[in-house]
Amino acid sequence: MADRILVHRIAVFAYHGLLAEEERLGQRFFISLDCGLDLAAAGASDDVAQTVSYADLTAIAVEIATKRRFALIEALAEAIAAEILARFPVIGRVSVRVDKPSAPVPAIIDGVSVEITRVRAGAAR
């Protein structure tokens, strides 16, 4: 699917991670979304009803990231992808990237990330 809606680096403060300190103190995370869907009708009609609102996509990511706790950012990404596919049948593919800039590793790093892609059964990749 060539058409995409992209939402870059949604910032949230949340409590994900394996360590007790991460659960207690929390930290920043950034979530990015890449949704594949046909945008031709929206482009031709200039009608938001023919697309998916990036505000709605953002709200899903924020809701899941701030209201639930995950030991793994892989699980956070999976939950967001599943909810987007469940809520918006017109989206055939979704990629979710979760950046964890303050990952507690014994090295100087800019951060860690996971990125997953999930495709609706029967949808074009």
PDB file of N, CA and C in Angstrom:
ATOM      1  N   MET A   1       0.851  -1.169   0.000  1.00  0.00           N
ATOM      2  CA  MET A   1       0.000   0.000   0.000  1.00  0.00           C
ATOM      3  C   MET A   1       0.897   1.231   0.000  1.00  0.00           C
ATOM      4  N   ALA A   2       0.770   2.055  -1.021  1.00  0.00           N
ATOM      5  CA  ALA A   2       1.675   3.185  -1.177  1.00  0.00           C
ATOM      6  C   ALA A   2       1.278   4.397  -0.328  1.00  0.00           C
ATOM      7  N   ASP A   3      -0.010   4.600  -0.087  1.00  0.00           N
ATOM      8  CA  ASP A   3      -0.451   5.763   0.683  1.00  0.00           C
ATOM      9  C   ASP A   3      -0.227   5.504   2.167  1.00  0.00           C
ATOM     10  N   ARG A   4       0.131   6.562   2.887  1.00  0.00           N
ATOM     11  CA  ARG A   4       0.460   6.399   4.308  1.00  0.00           C
ATOM     12  C   ARG A   4       0.053   7.633   5.093  1.00  0.00           C
ATOM     13  N   ILE A   5      -0.330   7.416   6.320  1.00  0.00           N
ATOM     14  CA  ILE A   5      -0.446   8.483   7.314  1.00  0.00           C
ATOM     15  C   ILE A   5       0.668   8.222   8.320  1.00  0.00           C
ATOM     16  N   LEU A   6       1.481   9.238   8.552  1.00  0.00           N
ATOM     17  CA  LEU A   6       2.589   9.112   9.494  1.00  0.00           C
ATOM     18  C   LEU A   6       2.416  10.110  10.632  1.00  0.00           C
ATOM     19  N   VAL A   7       2.620   9.634  11.831  1.00  0.00           N
ATOM     20  CA  VAL A   7       2.605  10.491  13.017  1.00  0.00           C
ATOM     21  C   VAL A   7       3.959  10.274  13.696  1.00  0.00           C
ATOM     22  N   HIS A   8       4.725  11.352  13.838  1.00  0.00           N
ATOM     23  CA  HIS A   8       6.102  11.245  14.299  1.00  0.00           C
ATOM     24  C   HIS A   8       6.275  11.622  15.769  1.00  0.00           C
ATOM     25  N   ARG A   9       6.920  10.758  16.511  1.00  0.00           N
ATOM     26  CA  ARG A   9       7.456  11.032  17.842  1.00  0.00           C
ATOM     27  C   ARG A   9       6.446  11.659  18.798  1.00  0.00           C
ATOM     28  N   ILE A  10       5.380  10.932  19.056  1.00  0.00           N
ATOM     29  CA  ILE A  10       4.412  11.327  20.075  1.00  0.00           C
ATOM     30  C   ILE A  10       5.101  11.146  21.422  1.00  0.00           C
ATOM     31  N   ALA A  11       5.250  12.202  22.183  1.00  0.00           N
ATOM     32  CA  ALA A  11       5.954  12.128  23.469  1.00  0.00           C
ATOM     33  C   ALA A  11       4.981  11.766  24.579  1.00  0.00           C
ATOM     34  N   VAL A  12       5.364  10.785  25.384  1.00  0.00           N
ATOM     35  CA  VAL A  12       4.572  10.407  26.557  1.00  0.00           C
ATOM     36  C   VAL A  12       5.523  10.184  27.728  1.00  0.00           C
ATOM     37  N   PHE A  13       5.000  10.382  28.916  1.00  0.00           N
ATOM     38  CA  PHE A  13       5.718  10.014  30.135  1.00  0.00           C
ATOM     39  C   PHE A  13       4.991   8.810  30.694  1.00  0.00           C
ATOM     40  N   ALA A  14       5.735   7.707  30.850  1.00  0.00           N
ATOM     41  CA  ALA A  14       5.083   6.461  31.252  1.00  0.00           C
ATOM     42  C   ALA A  14       6.035   5.626  32.109  1.00  0.00           C
ATOM     43  N   TYR A  15       5.570   4.441  32.487  1.00  0.00           N
ATOM     44  CA  TYR A  15       6.261   3.629  33.502  1.00  0.00           C
ATOM     45  C   TYR A  15       6.602   2.233  32.997  1.00  0.00           C
ATOM     46  N   HIS A  16       7.029   2.116  31.747  1.00  0.00           N
ATOM     47  CA  HIS A  16       7.324   0.824  31.151  1.00  0.00           C
ATOM     48  C   HIS A  16       8.771   0.428  31.416  1.00  0.00           C
ATOM     49  N   GLY A  17       8.983  -0.873  31.574  1.00  0.00           N
ATOM     50  CA  GLY A  17      10.334  -1.390  31.738  1.00  0.00           C
ATOM     51  C   GLY A  17      10.369  -2.550  32.707  1.00  0.00           C
ATOM     52  N   LEU A  18      11.480  -3.231  32.703  1.00  0.00           N
ATOM     53  CA  LEU A  18      11.665  -4.412  33.553  1.00  0.00           C
ATOM     54  C   LEU A  18      12.024  -4.065  34.995  1.00  0.00           C
ATOM     55  N   LEU A  19      12.692  -2.946  35.178  1.00  0.00           N
ATOM     56  CA  LEU A  19      13.241  -2.619  36.494  1.00  0.00           C
ATOM     57  C   LEU A  19      12.234  -1.917  37.395  1.00  0.00           C
ATOM     58  N   ALA A  20      12.370  -2.161  38.694  1.00  0.00           N
ATOM     59  CA  ALA A  20      11.490  -1.522  39.677  1.00  0.00           C
ATOM     60  C   ALA A  20      11.606   0.002  39.613  1.00  0.00           C
ATOM     61  N   GLU A  21      12.805   0.510  39.345  1.00  0.00           N
ATOM     62  CA  GLU A  21      12.997   1.968  39.257  1.00  0.00           C
ATOM     63  C   GLU A  21      12.210   2.554  38.090  1.00  0.00           C
ATOM     64  N   GLU A  22      12.110   1.815  36.996  1.00  0.00           N
ATOM     65  CA  GLU A  22      11.356   2.304  35.847  1.00  0.00           C
ATOM     66  C   GLU A  22       9.866   2.382  36.172  1.00  0.00           C
ATOM     67  N   GLU A  23       9.398   1.421  36.948  1.00  0.00           N
ATOM     68  CA  GLU A  23       7.997   1.427  37.361  1.00  0.00           C
ATOM     69  C   GLU A  23       7.719   2.555  38.344  1.00  0.00           C
ATOM     70  N   ARG A  24       8.676   2.831  39.195  1.00  0.00           N
ATOM     71  CA  ARG A  24       8.483   3.840  40.230  1.00  0.00           C
ATOM     72  C   ARG A  24       8.703   5.264  39.698  1.00  0.00           C
ATOM     73  N   LEU A  25       9.763   5.472  38.919  1.00  0.00           N
ATOM     74  CA  LEU A  25      10.126   6.814  38.483  1.00  0.00           C
ATOM     75  C   LEU A  25       9.522   7.221  37.146  1.00  0.00           C
ATOM     76  N   GLY A  26       9.357   6.258  36.245  1.00  0.00           N
ATOM     77  CA  GLY A  26       8.867   6.578  34.909  1.00  0.00           C
ATOM     78  C   GLY A  26       9.923   7.254  34.064  1.00  0.00           C
ATOM     79  N   GLN A  27       9.594   7.465  32.796  1.00  0.00           N
ATOM     80  CA  GLN A  27      10.517   8.115  31.873  1.00  0.00           C
ATOM     81  C   GLN A  27       9.781   8.490  30.599  1.00  0.00           C
ATOM     82  N   ARG A  28      10.472   9.231  29.728  1.00  0.00           N
ATOM     83  CA  ARG A  28       9.896   9.626  28.441  1.00  0.00           C
ATOM     84  C   ARG A  28       9.990   8.483  27.440  1.00  0.00           C
ATOM     85  N   PHE A  29       8.994   8.424  26.587  1.00  0.00           N
ATOM     86  CA  PHE A  29       8.983   7.530  25.440  1.00  0.00           C
ATOM     87  C   PHE A  29       8.482   8.338  24.253  1.00  0.00           C
ATOM     88  N   PHE A  30       8.904   7.944  23.067  1.00  0.00           N
ATOM     89  CA  PHE A  30       8.400   8.549  21.840  1.00  0.00           C
ATOM     90  C   PHE A  30       7.818   7.439  20.978  1.00  0.00           C
ATOM     91  N   ILE A  31       6.616   7.670  20.470  1.00  0.00           N
ATOM     92  CA  ILE A  31       5.921   6.679  19.657  1.00  0.00           C
ATOM     93  C   ILE A  31       5.664   7.275  18.284  1.00  0.00           C
ATOM     94  N   SER A  32       6.023   6.522  17.254  1.00  0.00           N
ATOM     95  CA  SER A  32       5.772   6.943  15.875  1.00  0.00           C
ATOM     96  C   SER A  32       4.906   5.899  15.188  1.00  0.00           C
ATOM     97  N   LEU A  33       3.997   6.374  14.338  1.00  0.00           N
ATOM     98  CA  LEU A  33       3.048   5.513  13.648  1.00  0.00           C
ATOM     99  C   LEU A  33       3.173   5.709  12.141  1.00  0.00           C
ATOM    100  N   ASP A  34       3.049   4.617  11.411  1.00  0.00           N
ATOM    101  CA  ASP A  34       3.059   4.637   9.950  1.00  0.00           C
ATOM    102  C   ASP A  34       1.929   3.711   9.515  1.00  0.00           C
ATOM    103  N   CYS A  35       0.844   4.309   9.034  1.00  0.00           N
ATOM    104  CA  CYS A  35      -0.357   3.544   8.692  1.00  0.00           C
ATOM    105  C   CYS A  35      -0.556   3.539   7.181  1.00  0.00           C
ATOM    106  N   GLY A  36      -0.701   2.347   6.614  1.00  0.00           N
ATOM    107  CA  GLY A  36      -0.940   2.215   5.179  1.00  0.00           C
ATOM    108  C   GLY A  36      -2.426   2.065   4.895  1.00  0.00           C
ATOM    109  N   LEU A  37      -2.937   2.938   4.047  1.00  0.00           N
ATOM    110  CA  LEU A  37      -4.340   2.903   3.642  1.00  0.00           C
ATOM    111  C   LEU A  37      -4.499   3.670   2.356  1.00  0.00           C
ATOM    112  N   ASP A  38      -5.598   3.489   1.671  1.00  0.00           N
ATOM    113  CA  ASP A  38      -5.870   4.182   0.422  1.00  0.00           C
ATOM    114  C   ASP A  38      -6.400   5.578   0.740  1.00  0.00           C
ATOM    115  N   LEU A  39      -5.658   6.589   0.340  1.00  0.00           N
ATOM    116  CA  LEU A  39      -6.037   7.972   0.626  1.00  0.00           C
ATOM    117  C   LEU A  39      -6.612   8.696  -0.587  1.00  0.00           C
ATOM    118  N   ALA A  40      -6.857   7.976  -1.678  1.00  0.00           N
ATOM    119  CA  ALA A  40      -7.343   8.618  -2.906  1.00  0.00           C
ATOM    120  C   ALA A  40      -8.681   9.324  -2.698  1.00  0.00           C
ATOM    121  N   ALA A  41      -9.616   8.666  -2.040  1.00  0.00           N
ATOM    122  CA  ALA A  41     -10.938   9.280  -1.839  1.00  0.00           C
ATOM    123  C   ALA A  41     -10.834  10.531  -0.969  1.00  0.00           C
ATOM    124  N   ALA A  42     -10.022  10.489   0.052  1.00  0.00           N
ATOM    125  CA  ALA A  42      -9.848  11.665   0.914  1.00  0.00           C
ATOM    126  C   ALA A  42      -9.199  12.809   0.145  1.00  0.00           C
ATOM    127  N   GLY A  43      -8.214  12.478  -0.660  1.00  0.00           N
ATOM    128  CA  GLY A  43      -7.554  13.514  -1.450  1.00  0.00           C
ATOM    129  C   GLY A  43      -8.469  14.149  -2.471  1.00  0.00           C
ATOM    130  N   ALA A  44      -9.328  13.347  -3.086  1.00  0.00           N
ATOM    131  CA  ALA A  44     -10.246  13.864  -4.102  1.00  0.00           C
ATOM    132  C   ALA A  44     -11.393  14.655  -3.494  1.00  0.00           C
ATOM    133  N   SER A  45     -11.862  14.225  -2.314  1.00  0.00           N
ATOM    134  CA  SER A  45     -13.061  14.843  -1.730  1.00  0.00           C
ATOM    135  C   SER A  45     -12.765  15.927  -0.696  1.00  0.00           C
ATOM    136  N   ASP A  46     -11.542  15.937  -0.148  1.00  0.00           N
ATOM    137  CA  ASP A  46     -11.185  16.850   0.939  1.00  0.00           C
ATOM    138  C   ASP A  46     -12.105  16.640   2.139  1.00  0.00           C
ATOM    139  N   ASP A  47     -12.471  15.377   2.380  1.00  0.00           N
ATOM    140  CA  ASP A  47     -13.429  15.011   3.428  1.00  0.00           C
ATOM    141  C   ASP A  47     -12.744  14.092   4.433  1.00  0.00           C
ATOM    142  N   VAL A  48     -12.674  14.517   5.681  1.00  0.00           N
ATOM    143  CA  VAL A  48     -12.008  13.734   6.721  1.00  0.00           C
ATOM    144  C   VAL A  48     -12.686  12.386   6.946  1.00  0.00           C
ATOM    145  N   ALA A  49     -13.949  12.272   6.594  1.00  0.00           N
ATOM    146  CA  ALA A  49     -14.656  10.993   6.752  1.00  0.00           C
ATOM    147  C   ALA A  49     -14.097   9.921   5.809  1.00  0.00           C
ATOM    148  N   GLN A  50     -13.313  10.320   4.823  1.00  0.00           N
ATOM    149  CA  GLN A  50     -12.732   9.386   3.860  1.00  0.00           C
ATOM    150  C   GLN A  50     -11.327   8.930   4.256  1.00  0.00           C
ATOM    151  N   THR A  51     -10.906   9.293   5.459  1.00  0.00           N
ATOM    152  CA  THR A  51      -9.557   8.951   5.915  1.00  0.00           C
ATOM    153  C   THR A  51      -9.614   8.590   7.396  1.00  0.00           C
ATOM    154  N   VAL A  52      -8.463   8.524   8.027  1.00  0.00           N
ATOM    155  CA  VAL A  52      -8.365   8.311   9.475  1.00  0.00           C
ATOM    156  C   VAL A  52      -7.680   9.539  10.049  1.00  0.00           C
ATOM    157  N   SER A  53      -8.277  10.113  11.057  1.00  0.00           N
ATOM    158  CA  SER A  53      -7.721  11.316  11.678  1.00  0.00           C
ATOM    159  C   SER A  53      -6.432  10.989  12.426  1.00  0.00           C
ATOM    160  N   TYR A  54      -5.389  11.751  12.150  1.00  0.00           N
ATOM    161  CA  TYR A  54      -4.138  11.549  12.892  1.00  0.00           C
ATOM    162  C   TYR A  54      -4.319  11.894  14.362  1.00  0.00           C
ATOM    163  N   ALA A  55      -5.300  12.715  14.689  1.00  0.00           N
ATOM    164  CA  ALA A  55      -5.598  12.999  16.100  1.00  0.00           C
ATOM    165  C   ALA A  55      -6.118  11.742  16.795  1.00  0.00           C
ATOM    166  N   ASP A  56      -6.945  10.968  16.098  1.00  0.00           N
ATOM    167  CA  ASP A  56      -7.455   9.717  16.672  1.00  0.00           C
ATOM    168  C   ASP A  56      -6.332   8.695  16.834  1.00  0.00           C
ATOM    169  N   LEU A  57      -5.446   8.604  15.858  1.00  0.00           N
ATOM    170  CA  LEU A  57      -4.308   7.689  15.957  1.00  0.00           C
ATOM    171  C   LEU A  57      -3.420   8.066  17.145  1.00  0.00           C
ATOM    172  N   THR A  58      -3.174   9.359  17.291  1.00  0.00           N
ATOM    173  CA  THR A  58      -2.361   9.849  18.403  1.00  0.00           C
ATOM    174  C   THR A  58      -3.017   9.527  19.734  1.00  0.00           C
ATOM    175  N   ALA A  59      -4.312   9.729  19.824  1.00  0.00           N
ATOM    176  CA  ALA A  59      -5.035   9.461  21.073  1.00  0.00           C
ATOM    177  C   ALA A  59      -4.923   7.993  21.481  1.00  0.00           C
ATOM    178  N   ILE A  60      -4.981   7.080  20.518  1.00  0.00           N
ATOM    179  CA  ILE A  60      -4.828   5.657  20.829  1.00  0.00           C
ATOM    180  C   ILE A  60      -3.458   5.385  21.420  1.00  0.00           C
ATOM    181  N   ALA A  61      -2.418   5.901  20.789  1.00  0.00           N
ATOM    182  CA  ALA A  61      -1.057   5.679  21.284  1.00  0.00           C
ATOM    183  C   ALA A  61      -0.868   6.241  22.686  1.00  0.00           C
ATOM    184  N   VAL A  62      -1.351   7.448  22.917  1.00  0.00           N
ATOM    185  CA  VAL A  62      -1.214   8.077  24.237  1.00  0.00           C
ATOM    186  C   VAL A  62      -1.998   7.293  25.291  1.00  0.00           C
ATOM    187  N   GLU A  63      -3.214   6.918  24.956  1.00  0.00           N
ATOM    188  CA  GLU A  63      -4.070   6.183  25.902  1.00  0.00           C
ATOM    189  C   GLU A  63      -3.405   4.868  26.337  1.00  0.00           C
ATOM    190  N   ILE A  64      -2.959   4.095  25.378  1.00  0.00           N
ATOM    191  CA  ILE A  64      -2.356   2.803  25.712  1.00  0.00           C
ATOM    192  C   ILE A  64      -1.049   2.993  26.470  1.00  0.00           C
ATOM    193  N   ALA A  65      -0.227   3.939  26.038  1.00  0.00           N
ATOM    194  CA  ALA A  65       1.083   4.139  26.659  1.00  0.00           C
ATOM    195  C   ALA A  65       1.001   4.688  28.080  1.00  0.00           C
ATOM    196  N   THR A  66      -0.049   5.457  28.368  1.00  0.00           N
ATOM    197  CA  THR A  66      -0.127   6.093  29.688  1.00  0.00           C
ATOM    198  C   THR A  66      -1.085   5.413  30.656  1.00  0.00           C
ATOM    199  N   LYS A  67      -1.979   4.597  30.164  1.00  0.00           N
ATOM    200  CA  LYS A  67      -2.966   3.959  31.050  1.00  0.00           C
ATOM    201  C   LYS A  67      -2.625   2.509  31.378  1.00  0.00           C
ATOM    202  N   ARG A  68      -1.705   1.917  30.629  1.00  0.00           N
ATOM    203  CA  ARG A  68      -1.293   0.534  30.874  1.00  0.00           C
ATOM    204  C   ARG A  68       0.209   0.505  31.131  1.00  0.00           C
ATOM    205  N   ARG A  69       0.669  -0.573  31.746  1.00  0.00           N
ATOM    206  CA  ARG A  69       2.106  -0.732  32.002  1.00  0.00           C
ATOM    207  C   ARG A  69       2.594  -1.996  31.329  1.00  0.00           C
ATOM    208  N   PHE A  70       3.752  -1.890  30.677  1.00  0.00           N
ATOM    209  CA  PHE A  70       4.347  -3.016  29.994  1.00  0.00           C
ATOM    210  C   PHE A  70       5.787  -3.190  30.458  1.00  0.00           C
ATOM    211  N   ALA A  71       6.203  -4.423  30.635  1.00  0.00           N
ATOM    212  CA  ALA A  71       7.609  -4.690  30.952  1.00  0.00           C
ATOM    213  C   ALA A  71       8.476  -4.447  29.715  1.00  0.00           C
ATOM    214  N   LEU A  72       7.937  -4.750  28.549  1.00  0.00           N
ATOM    215  CA  LEU A  72       8.696  -4.639  27.299  1.00  0.00           C
ATOM    216  C   LEU A  72       8.078  -3.600  26.379  1.00  0.00           C
ATOM    217  N   ILE A  73       8.928  -2.800  25.733  1.00  0.00           N
ATOM    218  CA  ILE A  73       8.398  -1.853  24.756  1.00  0.00           C
ATOM    219  C   ILE A  73       7.879  -2.595  23.521  1.00  0.00           C
ATOM    220  N   GLU A  74       8.316  -3.835  23.309  1.00  0.00           N
ATOM    221  CA  GLU A  74       7.748  -4.652  22.244  1.00  0.00           C
ATOM    222  C   GLU A  74       6.254  -4.881  22.488  1.00  0.00           C
ATOM    223  N   ALA A  75       5.890  -5.134  23.731  1.00  0.00           N
ATOM    224  CA  ALA A  75       4.486  -5.359  24.078  1.00  0.00           C
ATOM    225  C   ALA A  75       3.671  -4.071  23.942  1.00  0.00           C
ATOM    226  N   LEU A  76       4.247  -2.957  24.288  1.00  0.00           N
ATOM    227  CA  LEU A  76       3.585  -1.660  24.098  1.00  0.00           C
ATOM    228  C   LEU A  76       3.301  -1.434  22.621  1.00  0.00           C
ATOM    229  N   ALA A  77       4.291  -1.644  21.771  1.00  0.00           N
ATOM    230  CA  ALA A  77       4.107  -1.465  20.328  1.00  0.00           C
ATOM    231  C   ALA A  77       3.032  -2.404  19.794  1.00  0.00           C
ATOM    232  N   GLU A  78       3.046  -3.637  20.251  1.00  0.00           N
ATOM    233  CA  GLU A  78       2.059  -4.632  19.802  1.00  0.00           C
ATOM    234  C   GLU A  78       0.641  -4.214  20.183  1.00  0.00           C
ATOM    235  N   ALA A  79       0.462  -3.724  21.395  1.00  0.00           N
ATOM    236  CA  ALA A  79      -0.870  -3.292  21.849  1.00  0.00           C
ATOM    237  C   ALA A  79      -1.382  -2.122  21.019  1.00  0.00           C
ATOM    238  N   ILE A  80      -0.509  -1.185  20.706  1.00  0.00           N
ATOM    239  CA  ILE A  80      -0.914  -0.027  19.898  1.00  0.00           C
ATOM    240  C   ILE A  80      -1.289  -0.478  18.491  1.00  0.00           C
ATOM    241  N   ALA A  81      -0.471  -1.319  17.881  1.00  0.00           N
ATOM    242  CA  ALA A  81      -0.764  -1.800  16.525  1.00  0.00           C
ATOM    243  C   ALA A  81      -2.086  -2.556  16.487  1.00  0.00           C
ATOM    244  N   ALA A  82      -2.309  -3.419  17.458  1.00  0.00           N
ATOM    245  CA  ALA A  82      -3.546  -4.210  17.494  1.00  0.00           C
ATOM    246  C   ALA A  82      -4.767  -3.311  17.618  1.00  0.00           C
ATOM    247  N   GLU A  83      -4.691  -2.295  18.464  1.00  0.00           N
ATOM    248  CA  GLU A  83      -5.838  -1.397  18.652  1.00  0.00           C
ATOM    249  C   GLU A  83      -6.117  -0.577  17.395  1.00  0.00           C
ATOM    250  N   ILE A  84      -5.083  -0.109  16.731  1.00  0.00           N
ATOM    251  CA  ILE A  84      -5.280   0.658  15.494  1.00  0.00           C
ATOM    252  C   ILE A  84      -5.937  -0.209  14.430  1.00  0.00           C
ATOM    253  N   LEU A  85      -5.452  -1.433  14.254  1.00  0.00           N
ATOM    254  CA  LEU A  85      -6.060  -2.318  13.250  1.00  0.00           C
ATOM    255  C   LEU A  85      -7.493  -2.684  13.627  1.00  0.00           C
ATOM    256  N   ALA A  86      -7.761  -2.861  14.914  1.00  0.00           N
ATOM    257  CA  ALA A  86      -9.119  -3.202  15.354  1.00  0.00           C
ATOM    258  C   ALA A  86     -10.074  -2.043  15.159  1.00  0.00           C
ATOM    259  N   ARG A  87      -9.611  -0.841  15.399  1.00  0.00           N
ATOM    260  CA  ARG A  87     -10.501   0.310  15.371  1.00  0.00           C
ATOM    261  C   ARG A  87     -10.719   0.890  13.971  1.00  0.00           C
ATOM    262  N   PHE A  88      -9.770   0.698  13.073  1.00  0.00           N
ATOM    263  CA  PHE A  88      -9.856   1.323  11.746  1.00  0.00           C
ATOM    264  C   PHE A  88      -9.700   0.275  10.642  1.00  0.00           C
ATOM    265  N   PRO A  89     -10.796  -0.297  10.169  1.00  0.00           N
ATOM    266  CA  PRO A  89     -10.731  -1.337   9.137  1.00  0.00           C
ATOM    267  C   PRO A  89     -10.094  -0.884   7.822  1.00  0.00           C
ATOM    268  N   VAL A  90     -10.085   0.419   7.557  1.00  0.00           N
ATOM    269  CA  VAL A  90      -9.483   0.904   6.299  1.00  0.00           C
ATOM    270  C   VAL A  90      -7.960   0.856   6.331  1.00  0.00           C
ATOM    271  N   ILE A  91      -7.369   0.723   7.514  1.00  0.00           N
ATOM    272  CA  ILE A  91      -5.912   0.624   7.615  1.00  0.00           C
ATOM    273  C   ILE A  91      -5.519  -0.830   7.382  1.00  0.00           C
ATOM    274  N   GLY A  92      -4.717  -1.052   6.361  1.00  0.00           N
ATOM    275  CA  GLY A  92      -4.294  -2.403   6.016  1.00  0.00           C
ATOM    276  C   GLY A  92      -2.972  -2.809   6.632  1.00  0.00           C
ATOM    277  N   ARG A  93      -2.165  -1.803   6.986  1.00  0.00           N
ATOM    278  CA  ARG A  93      -0.848  -2.068   7.557  1.00  0.00           C
ATOM    279  C   ARG A  93      -0.511  -0.964   8.536  1.00  0.00           C
ATOM    280  N   VAL A  94       0.107  -1.326   9.650  1.00  0.00           N
ATOM    281  CA  VAL A  94       0.553  -0.322  10.603  1.00  0.00           C
ATOM    282  C   VAL A  94       1.947  -0.703  11.115  1.00  0.00           C
ATOM    283  N   SER A  95       2.819   0.288  11.153  1.00  0.00           N
ATOM    284  CA  SER A  95       4.115   0.130  11.799  1.00  0.00           C
ATOM    285  C   SER A  95       4.116   1.036  13.021  1.00  0.00           C
ATOM    286  N   VAL A  96       4.603   0.515  14.116  1.00  0.00           N
ATOM    287  CA  VAL A  96       4.696   1.274  15.364  1.00  0.00           C
ATOM    288  C   VAL A  96       6.146   1.228  15.823  1.00  0.00           C
ATOM    289  N   ARG A  97       6.694   2.391  16.074  1.00  0.00           N
ATOM    290  CA  ARG A  97       8.049   2.494  16.607  1.00  0.00           C
ATOM    291  C   ARG A  97       7.960   3.112  17.998  1.00  0.00           C
ATOM    292  N   VAL A  98       8.625   2.487  18.961  1.00  0.00           N
ATOM    293  CA  VAL A  98       8.707   3.022  20.316  1.00  0.00           C
ATOM    294  C   VAL A  98      10.172   3.294  20.616  1.00  0.00           C
ATOM    295  N   ASP A  99      10.471   4.555  20.908  1.00  0.00           N
ATOM    296  CA  ASP A  99      11.826   4.972  21.290  1.00  0.00           C
ATOM    297  C   ASP A  99      11.871   5.167  22.803  1.00  0.00           C
ATOM    298  N   LYS A 100      12.913   4.624  23.395  1.00  0.00           N
ATOM    299  CA  LYS A 100      13.130   4.744  24.837  1.00  0.00           C
ATOM    300  C   LYS A 100      14.494   5.418  25.023  1.00  0.00           C
ATOM    301  N   PRO A 101      14.517   6.756  25.103  1.00  0.00           N
ATOM    302  CA  PRO A 101      15.801   7.462  25.115  1.00  0.00           C
ATOM    303  C   PRO A 101      16.609   7.282  26.393  1.00  0.00           C
ATOM    304  N   SER A 102      15.970   6.926  27.486  1.00  0.00           N
ATOM    305  CA  SER A 102      16.684   6.799  28.761  1.00  0.00           C
ATOM    306  C   SER A 102      16.761   5.354  29.233  1.00  0.00           C
ATOM    307  N   ALA A 103      16.946   4.444  28.301  1.00  0.00           N
ATOM    308  CA  ALA A 103      17.021   3.031  28.667  1.00  0.00           C
ATOM    309  C   ALA A 103      18.189   2.805  29.627  1.00  0.00           C
ATOM    310  N   PRO A 104      17.939   2.069  30.716  1.00  0.00           N
ATOM    311  CA  PRO A 104      18.980   1.857  31.719  1.00  0.00           C
ATOM    312  C   PRO A 104      19.954   0.756  31.307  1.00  0.00           C
ATOM    313  N   VAL A 105      20.889   1.116  30.445  1.00  0.00           N
ATOM    314  CA  VAL A 105      21.936   0.171  30.042  1.00  0.00           C
ATOM    315  C   VAL A 105      23.283   0.753  30.447  1.00  0.00           C
ATOM    316  N   PRO A 106      24.261  -0.090  30.758  1.00  0.00           N
ATOM    317  CA  PRO A 106      25.558   0.398  31.232  1.00  0.00           C
ATOM    318  C   PRO A 106      26.479   0.844  30.091  1.00  0.00           C
ATOM    319  N   ALA A 107      25.991   1.810  29.317  1.00  0.00           N
ATOM    320  CA  ALA A 107      26.780   2.365  28.222  1.00  0.00           C
ATOM    321  C   ALA A 107      26.203   3.732  27.887  1.00  0.00           C
ATOM    322  N   ILE A 108      26.956   4.527  27.165  1.00  0.00           N
ATOM    323  CA  ILE A 108      26.464   5.829  26.723  1.00  0.00           C
ATOM    324  C   ILE A 108      25.785   5.614  25.371  1.00  0.00           C
ATOM    325  N   ILE A 109      24.459   5.752  25.359  1.00  0.00           N
ATOM    326  CA  ILE A 109      23.677   5.554  24.136  1.00  0.00           C
ATOM    327  C   ILE A 109      22.674   6.690  24.002  1.00  0.00           C
ATOM    328  N   ASP A 110      22.201   6.894  22.779  1.00  0.00           N
ATOM    329  CA  ASP A 110      21.126   7.869  22.559  1.00  0.00           C
ATOM    330  C   ASP A 110      19.779   7.306  22.952  1.00  0.00           C
ATOM    331  N   GLY A 111      19.682   5.993  23.006  1.00  0.00           N
ATOM    332  CA  GLY A 111      18.419   5.350  23.361  1.00  0.00           C
ATOM    333  C   GLY A 111      18.280   4.039  22.627  1.00  0.00           C
ATOM    334  N   VAL A 112      17.167   3.381  22.865  1.00  0.00           N
ATOM    335  CA  VAL A 112      16.845   2.136  22.179  1.00  0.00           C
ATOM    336  C   VAL A 112      15.464   2.272  21.558  1.00  0.00           C
ATOM    337  N   SER A 113      15.193   1.450  20.555  1.00  0.00           N
ATOM    338  CA  SER A 113      13.906   1.487  19.866  1.00  0.00           C
ATOM    339  C   SER A 113      13.506   0.089  19.455  1.00  0.00           C
ATOM    340  N   VAL A 114      12.203  -0.096  19.336  1.00  0.00           N
ATOM    341  CA  VAL A 114      11.669  -1.257  18.635  1.00  0.00           C
ATOM    342  C   VAL A 114      10.711  -0.728  17.585  1.00  0.00           C
ATOM    343  N   GLU A 115      10.618  -1.461  16.502  1.00  0.00           N
ATOM    344  CA  GLU A 115       9.659  -1.117  15.462  1.00  0.00           C
ATOM    345  C   GLU A 115       9.038  -2.407  14.962  1.00  0.00           C
ATOM    346  N   ILE A 116       7.714  -2.432  14.955  1.00  0.00           N
ATOM    347  CA  ILE A 116       6.993  -3.606  14.478  1.00  0.00           C
ATOM    348  C   ILE A 116       6.074  -3.183  13.330  1.00  0.00           C
ATOM    349  N   THR A 117       5.772  -4.113  12.466  1.00  0.00           N
ATOM    350  CA  THR A 117       4.806  -3.900  11.392  1.00  0.00           C
ATOM    351  C   THR A 117       3.807  -5.034  11.420  1.00  0.00           C
ATOM    352  N   ARG A 118       2.546  -4.694  11.412  1.00  0.00           N
ATOM    353  CA  ARG A 118       1.471  -5.679  11.400  1.00  0.00           C
ATOM    354  C   ARG A 118       0.573  -5.380  10.198  1.00  0.00           C
ATOM    355  N   VAL A 119       0.205  -6.445   9.493  1.00  0.00           N
ATOM    356  CA  VAL A 119      -0.601  -6.321   8.281  1.00  0.00           C
ATOM    357  C   VAL A 119      -1.918  -7.070   8.511  1.00  0.00           C
ATOM    358  N   ARG A 120      -3.003  -6.402   8.170  1.00  0.00           N
ATOM    359  CA  ARG A 120      -4.322  -7.021   8.276  1.00  0.00           C
ATOM    360  C   ARG A 120      -4.382  -8.211   7.317  1.00  0.00           C
ATOM    361  N   ALA A 121      -4.962  -9.289   7.743  1.00  0.00           N
ATOM    362  CA  ALA A 121      -5.101 -10.473   6.888  1.00  0.00           C
ATOM    363  C   ALA A 121      -5.796 -10.067   5.584  1.00  0.00           C
ATOM    364  N   GLY A 122      -5.206 -10.423   4.473  1.00  0.00           N
ATOM    365  CA  GLY A 122      -5.785 -10.111   3.172  1.00  0.00           C
ATOM    366  C   GLY A 122      -5.399  -8.756   2.623  1.00  0.00           C
ATOM    367  N   ALA A 123      -4.695  -7.931   3.409  1.00  0.00           N
ATOM    368  CA  ALA A 123      -4.302  -6.592   2.949  1.00  0.00           C
ATOM    369  C   ALA A 123      -2.999  -6.668   2.166  1.00  0.00           C
ATOM    370  N   ALA A 124      -2.824  -5.756   1.246  1.00  0.00           N
ATOM    371  CA  ALA A 124      -1.556  -5.672   0.500  1.00  0.00           C
ATOM    372  C   ALA A 124      -0.467  -5.145   1.421  1.00  0.00           C
ATOM    373  N   ARG A 125       0.710  -5.674   1.288  1.00  0.00           N
ATOM    374  CA  ARG A 125       1.832  -5.225   2.107  1.00  0.00           C
ATOM    375  C   ARG A 125       2.336  -3.923   1.558  1.00  0.00           C
TER     376      ARG A 125
END
